[in-house]
């Protein structure tokens, strides 16, 4: 049986990293390389076709979300 797993919303991610100066770079790396364990057992699949510039832009957008 497959179970659907959903990660955090963009606003939750922005809130967690709001005061972290290294967050844009770290999140860009997680977008490209994937991640597991940051938000429990939810897996963030890697996006290897996303360029460095695209990953930085995506991370910046996620971090710009208003507080929930």
N, C-alpha and C. Protein backbone atom coordinates (compact mmCIF):
# COMPACT_ATOMS: atom_id res chain seq x y z
N UNK A 1 0.84 -1.18 0.00
CA UNK A 1 0.00 0.00 0.00
C UNK A 1 0.89 1.25 0.00
N UNK A 2 0.61 2.17 -0.88
CA UNK A 2 1.36 3.42 -0.93
C UNK A 2 0.71 4.45 -0.02
N UNK A 3 1.56 5.16 0.70
CA UNK A 3 1.06 6.24 1.56
C UNK A 3 1.54 7.56 1.00
N UNK A 4 0.65 8.50 0.91
CA UNK A 4 1.00 9.82 0.43
C UNK A 4 1.69 10.58 1.56
N UNK A 5 2.83 11.17 1.23
CA UNK A 5 3.56 11.97 2.22
C UNK A 5 3.73 13.37 1.65
N UNK A 6 3.43 14.34 2.46
CA UNK A 6 3.52 15.73 2.03
C UNK A 6 4.44 16.47 2.99
N UNK A 7 5.34 17.25 2.43
CA UNK A 7 6.26 18.03 3.25
C UNK A 7 5.62 19.32 3.72
N UNK A 8 6.42 20.17 4.32
CA UNK A 8 5.90 21.44 4.85
C UNK A 8 5.55 22.41 3.72
N UNK A 9 4.71 23.38 4.06
CA UNK A 9 4.38 24.44 3.11
C UNK A 9 5.54 25.42 2.99
N UNK A 10 5.52 26.19 1.93
CA UNK A 10 6.59 27.16 1.71
C UNK A 10 6.69 28.17 2.84
N UNK A 11 5.55 28.60 3.38
CA UNK A 11 5.56 29.57 4.49
C UNK A 11 6.22 28.96 5.73
N UNK A 12 6.01 27.68 5.97
CA UNK A 12 6.64 27.02 7.11
C UNK A 12 8.15 26.96 6.93
N UNK A 13 8.59 26.68 5.73
CA UNK A 13 10.03 26.64 5.46
C UNK A 13 10.63 28.02 5.66
N UNK A 14 9.96 29.04 5.12
CA UNK A 14 10.44 30.42 5.28
C UNK A 14 10.53 30.80 6.74
N UNK A 15 9.55 30.42 7.53
CA UNK A 15 9.54 30.75 8.96
C UNK A 15 10.70 30.08 9.69
N UNK A 16 10.96 28.83 9.39
CA UNK A 16 12.03 28.11 10.06
C UNK A 16 13.40 28.74 9.79
N UNK A 17 13.62 29.21 8.57
CA UNK A 17 14.93 29.70 8.17
C UNK A 17 15.02 31.23 8.09
N UNK A 18 14.01 31.92 8.56
CA UNK A 18 13.91 33.37 8.41
C UNK A 18 15.16 34.12 8.88
N UNK A 19 15.75 33.74 9.97
CA UNK A 19 16.90 34.45 10.53
C UNK A 19 18.22 33.73 10.29
N UNK A 20 18.27 32.87 9.32
CA UNK A 20 19.46 32.09 9.02
C UNK A 20 20.11 32.64 7.75
N UNK A 21 21.22 33.32 7.89
CA UNK A 21 21.89 33.94 6.75
C UNK A 21 22.38 32.92 5.72
N UNK A 22 22.64 31.70 6.16
CA UNK A 22 23.14 30.66 5.25
C UNK A 22 22.00 29.90 4.57
N UNK A 23 20.77 30.20 4.91
CA UNK A 23 19.64 29.44 4.40
C UNK A 23 19.50 29.44 2.88
N UNK A 24 19.67 30.57 2.19
CA UNK A 24 19.49 30.52 0.72
C UNK A 24 20.41 29.50 0.05
N UNK A 25 21.65 29.50 0.43
CA UNK A 25 22.61 28.57 -0.15
C UNK A 25 22.29 27.12 0.24
N UNK A 26 21.97 26.92 1.51
CA UNK A 26 21.67 25.57 1.99
C UNK A 26 20.42 25.02 1.32
N UNK A 27 19.37 25.84 1.21
CA UNK A 27 18.14 25.38 0.57
C UNK A 27 18.35 25.11 -0.92
N UNK A 28 19.15 25.93 -1.58
CA UNK A 28 19.46 25.68 -2.99
C UNK A 28 20.14 24.32 -3.14
N UNK A 29 21.02 24.00 -2.22
CA UNK A 29 21.68 22.69 -2.24
C UNK A 29 20.70 21.55 -2.02
N UNK A 30 19.71 21.77 -1.14
CA UNK A 30 18.71 20.73 -0.89
C UNK A 30 17.79 20.56 -2.09
N UNK A 31 17.52 21.64 -2.79
CA UNK A 31 16.69 21.54 -3.99
C UNK A 31 17.40 20.67 -5.03
N UNK A 32 18.67 20.92 -5.23
CA UNK A 32 19.42 20.16 -6.23
C UNK A 32 19.77 18.75 -5.77
N UNK A 33 20.16 18.61 -4.52
CA UNK A 33 20.66 17.32 -4.05
C UNK A 33 19.67 16.47 -3.30
N UNK A 34 18.52 17.03 -2.96
CA UNK A 34 17.53 16.29 -2.19
C UNK A 34 17.84 16.34 -0.70
N UNK A 35 16.92 15.83 0.08
CA UNK A 35 17.08 15.87 1.53
C UNK A 35 16.11 14.88 2.16
N UNK A 36 16.48 14.40 3.33
CA UNK A 36 15.58 13.56 4.11
C UNK A 36 15.88 13.80 5.58
N UNK A 37 14.85 13.85 6.40
CA UNK A 37 15.04 13.98 7.83
C UNK A 37 14.90 15.39 8.39
N UNK A 38 14.91 16.39 7.54
CA UNK A 38 14.79 17.76 8.03
C UNK A 38 13.41 18.03 8.60
N UNK A 39 12.40 17.44 8.01
CA UNK A 39 11.00 17.63 8.42
C UNK A 39 10.39 16.28 8.77
N UNK A 40 11.09 15.48 9.52
CA UNK A 40 10.59 14.15 9.85
C UNK A 40 11.05 13.16 8.78
N UNK A 41 10.18 12.24 8.45
CA UNK A 41 10.54 11.18 7.51
C UNK A 41 10.18 11.52 6.07
N UNK A 42 9.84 12.76 5.82
CA UNK A 42 9.47 13.20 4.47
C UNK A 42 10.72 13.34 3.62
N UNK A 43 10.67 12.83 2.41
CA UNK A 43 11.80 12.88 1.48
C UNK A 43 11.60 14.03 0.50
N UNK A 44 12.64 14.83 0.34
CA UNK A 44 12.67 15.86 -0.70
C UNK A 44 13.52 15.27 -1.83
N UNK A 45 12.88 14.88 -2.95
CA UNK A 45 13.66 14.30 -4.04
C UNK A 45 14.62 15.33 -4.65
N UNK A 46 15.74 14.86 -5.13
CA UNK A 46 16.69 15.78 -5.75
C UNK A 46 16.17 16.22 -7.10
N UNK A 47 16.56 17.40 -7.47
CA UNK A 47 16.18 17.99 -8.75
C UNK A 47 17.47 18.29 -9.51
N UNK A 48 18.07 17.26 -10.04
CA UNK A 48 19.40 17.38 -10.64
C UNK A 48 19.41 18.20 -11.93
N UNK A 49 18.27 18.41 -12.55
CA UNK A 49 18.23 19.22 -13.77
C UNK A 49 18.11 20.71 -13.49
N UNK A 50 17.90 21.07 -12.24
CA UNK A 50 17.81 22.48 -11.86
C UNK A 50 19.23 23.04 -11.77
N UNK A 51 19.46 24.14 -12.45
CA UNK A 51 20.80 24.75 -12.43
C UNK A 51 21.05 25.45 -11.10
N UNK A 52 22.31 25.82 -10.85
CA UNK A 52 22.64 26.56 -9.63
C UNK A 52 21.83 27.85 -9.54
N UNK A 53 21.76 28.58 -10.65
CA UNK A 53 21.01 29.84 -10.66
C UNK A 53 19.53 29.62 -10.38
N UNK A 54 18.95 28.60 -10.98
CA UNK A 54 17.54 28.29 -10.75
C UNK A 54 17.29 27.88 -9.30
N UNK A 55 18.18 27.07 -8.76
CA UNK A 55 18.03 26.63 -7.37
C UNK A 55 18.11 27.81 -6.41
N UNK A 56 19.02 28.74 -6.67
CA UNK A 56 19.12 29.94 -5.83
C UNK A 56 17.87 30.80 -5.95
N UNK A 57 17.34 30.92 -7.16
CA UNK A 57 16.12 31.71 -7.35
C UNK A 57 14.94 31.05 -6.64
N UNK A 58 14.82 29.73 -6.75
CA UNK A 58 13.74 29.02 -6.07
C UNK A 58 13.86 29.15 -4.55
N UNK A 59 15.07 28.99 -4.03
CA UNK A 59 15.28 29.12 -2.59
C UNK A 59 14.92 30.53 -2.13
N UNK A 60 15.32 31.54 -2.90
CA UNK A 60 14.99 32.91 -2.55
C UNK A 60 13.50 33.15 -2.53
N UNK A 61 12.79 32.57 -3.50
CA UNK A 61 11.33 32.72 -3.55
C UNK A 61 10.68 32.06 -2.33
N UNK A 62 11.10 30.84 -2.03
CA UNK A 62 10.54 30.13 -0.86
C UNK A 62 10.77 30.95 0.40
N UNK A 63 11.96 31.45 0.57
CA UNK A 63 12.30 32.22 1.78
C UNK A 63 11.60 33.58 1.84
N UNK A 64 11.06 34.05 0.73
CA UNK A 64 10.38 35.35 0.71
C UNK A 64 8.91 35.24 1.10
N UNK A 65 8.43 34.04 1.36
CA UNK A 65 7.01 33.86 1.69
C UNK A 65 6.69 34.53 3.03
N UNK A 66 5.52 35.13 3.13
CA UNK A 66 5.12 35.80 4.38
C UNK A 66 4.90 34.79 5.50
N UNK A 67 4.91 35.27 6.69
CA UNK A 67 4.67 34.43 7.85
C UNK A 67 3.25 33.85 7.78
N UNK A 68 3.09 32.60 8.22
CA UNK A 68 1.77 31.98 8.18
C UNK A 68 0.81 32.62 9.17
